[in-house]
Amino acid sequence: MGIKQRKTLRAAAGVLVSFICLAGTIVLLSEGEVITVEMAKLMLVALLALYLGFGFLIAVYRLIDRLK
């Protein structure tokens, strides 16, 4: 496994861990009745949308950078 693949895997693992931590925090807040279930659902959908949106932007940026 090359250095570039390790860096990519490390970055992907970091993104996955940060997503799981944030989603877990939202679930814990919901279970502790700090926020309502509806608000927790909305926050989880928004979190997923942010990660997918920024992931798409990064992928497009890397593709355009490769074309130059």
C-alpha atoms as a PDB file:
ATOM      1  CA  MET A   1       0.000   0.000   0.000  1.00  0.00           C
ATOM      2  CA  GLY A   2       1.435   3.321  -1.065  1.00  0.00           C
ATOM      3  CA  ILE A   3       1.723   6.496   0.947  1.00  0.00           C
ATOM      4  CA  LYS A   4      -1.014   8.189  -1.101  1.00  0.00           C
ATOM      5  CA  GLN A   5      -3.456   5.358  -0.365  1.00  0.00           C
ATOM      6  CA  ARG A   6      -2.652   5.541   3.354  1.00  0.00           C
ATOM      7  CA  LYS A   7      -3.307   9.280   3.403  1.00  0.00           C
ATOM      8  CA  THR A   8      -6.617   8.762   1.613  1.00  0.00           C
ATOM      9  CA  LEU A   9      -7.659   6.011   4.014  1.00  0.00           C
ATOM     10  CA  ARG A  10      -6.634   8.106   7.004  1.00  0.00           C
ATOM     11  CA  ALA A  11      -8.657  11.068   5.727  1.00  0.00           C
ATOM     12  CA  ALA A  12     -11.688   8.862   5.047  1.00  0.00           C
ATOM     13  CA  ALA A  13     -11.422   7.332   8.507  1.00  0.00           C
ATOM     14  CA  GLY A  14     -11.216  10.796  10.064  1.00  0.00           C
ATOM     15  CA  VAL A  15     -14.342  11.936   8.231  1.00  0.00           C
ATOM     16  CA  LEU A  16     -16.198   8.781   9.262  1.00  0.00           C
ATOM     17  CA  VAL A  17     -15.198   9.137  12.912  1.00  0.00           C
ATOM     18  CA  SER A  18     -16.204  12.808  13.003  1.00  0.00           C
ATOM     19  CA  PHE A  19     -19.589  11.987  11.453  1.00  0.00           C
ATOM     20  CA  ILE A  20     -20.209   9.173  13.946  1.00  0.00           C
ATOM     21  CA  CYS A  21     -19.246  11.419  16.867  1.00  0.00           C
ATOM     22  CA  LEU A  22     -21.541  14.235  15.755  1.00  0.00           C
ATOM     23  CA  ALA A  23     -24.422  11.855  15.028  1.00  0.00           C
ATOM     24  CA  GLY A  24     -23.891  10.164  18.397  1.00  0.00           C
ATOM     25  CA  THR A  25     -23.984  13.526  20.136  1.00  0.00           C
ATOM     26  CA  ILE A  26     -27.292  14.335  18.460  1.00  0.00           C
ATOM     27  CA  VAL A  27     -28.735  10.965  19.506  1.00  0.00           C
ATOM     28  CA  LEU A  28     -27.523  11.437  23.084  1.00  0.00           C
ATOM     29  CA  LEU A  29     -29.118  14.887  23.235  1.00  0.00           C
ATOM     30  CA  SER A  30     -32.349  13.379  21.978  1.00  0.00           C
ATOM     31  CA  GLU A  31     -32.266  10.518  24.472  1.00  0.00           C
ATOM     32  CA  GLY A  32     -31.555  12.942  27.295  1.00  0.00           C
ATOM     33  CA  GLU A  33     -34.608  14.933  26.193  1.00  0.00           C
ATOM     34  CA  VAL A  34     -32.539  18.067  25.697  1.00  0.00           C
ATOM     35  CA  ILE A  35     -33.910  18.247  22.141  1.00  0.00           C
ATOM     36  CA  THR A  36     -37.064  16.732  20.700  1.00  0.00           C
ATOM     37  CA  VAL A  37     -37.080  13.667  18.466  1.00  0.00           C
ATOM     38  CA  GLU A  38     -38.208  15.766  15.499  1.00  0.00           C
ATOM     39  CA  MET A  39     -35.347  18.208  16.018  1.00  0.00           C
ATOM     40  CA  ALA A  40     -32.891  15.307  16.263  1.00  0.00           C
ATOM     41  CA  LYS A  41     -34.156  13.882  12.980  1.00  0.00           C
ATOM     42  CA  LEU A  42     -33.834  17.271  11.315  1.00  0.00           C
ATOM     43  CA  MET A  43     -30.308  17.717  12.678  1.00  0.00           C
ATOM     44  CA  LEU A  44     -29.258  14.252  11.462  1.00  0.00           C
ATOM     45  CA  VAL A  45     -30.619  14.930   7.972  1.00  0.00           C
ATOM     46  CA  ALA A  46     -28.846  18.304   7.899  1.00  0.00           C
ATOM     47  CA  LEU A  47     -25.585  16.704   9.068  1.00  0.00           C
ATOM     48  CA  LEU A  48     -25.818  14.052   6.362  1.00  0.00           C
ATOM     49  CA  ALA A  49     -26.560  16.716   3.745  1.00  0.00           C
ATOM     50  CA  LEU A  50     -23.534  18.758   4.834  1.00  0.00           C
ATOM     51  CA  TYR A  51     -21.204  15.773   4.599  1.00  0.00           C
ATOM     52  CA  LEU A  52     -22.576  14.708   1.214  1.00  0.00           C
ATOM     53  CA  GLY A  53     -22.523  18.259  -0.159  1.00  0.00           C
ATOM     54  CA  PHE A  54     -18.973  19.010   0.896  1.00  0.00           C
ATOM     55  CA  GLY A  55     -17.860  15.566  -0.257  1.00  0.00           C
ATOM     56  CA  PHE A  56     -19.311  16.286  -3.688  1.00  0.00           C
ATOM     57  CA  LEU A  57     -17.595  19.678  -3.807  1.00  0.00           C
ATOM     58  CA  ILE A  58     -14.243  18.158  -2.860  1.00  0.00           C
ATOM     59  CA  ALA A  59     -14.622  15.429  -5.489  1.00  0.00           C
ATOM     60  CA  VAL A  60     -15.441  17.974  -8.208  1.00  0.00           C
ATOM     61  CA  TYR A  61     -12.538  20.193  -7.131  1.00  0.00           C
ATOM     62  CA  ARG A  62     -10.113  17.274  -7.325  1.00  0.00           C
ATOM     63  CA  LEU A  63     -11.482  16.276 -10.735  1.00  0.00           C
ATOM     64  CA  ILE A  64     -11.118  19.798 -12.135  1.00  0.00           C
ATOM     65  CA  ASP A  65      -7.637  20.090 -10.620  1.00  0.00           C
ATOM     66  CA  ARG A  66      -6.646  16.849 -12.347  1.00  0.00           C
ATOM     67  CA  LEU A  67      -7.894  18.125 -15.720  1.00  0.00           C
ATOM     68  CA  LYS A  68      -5.658  21.208 -15.687  1.00  0.00           C
END
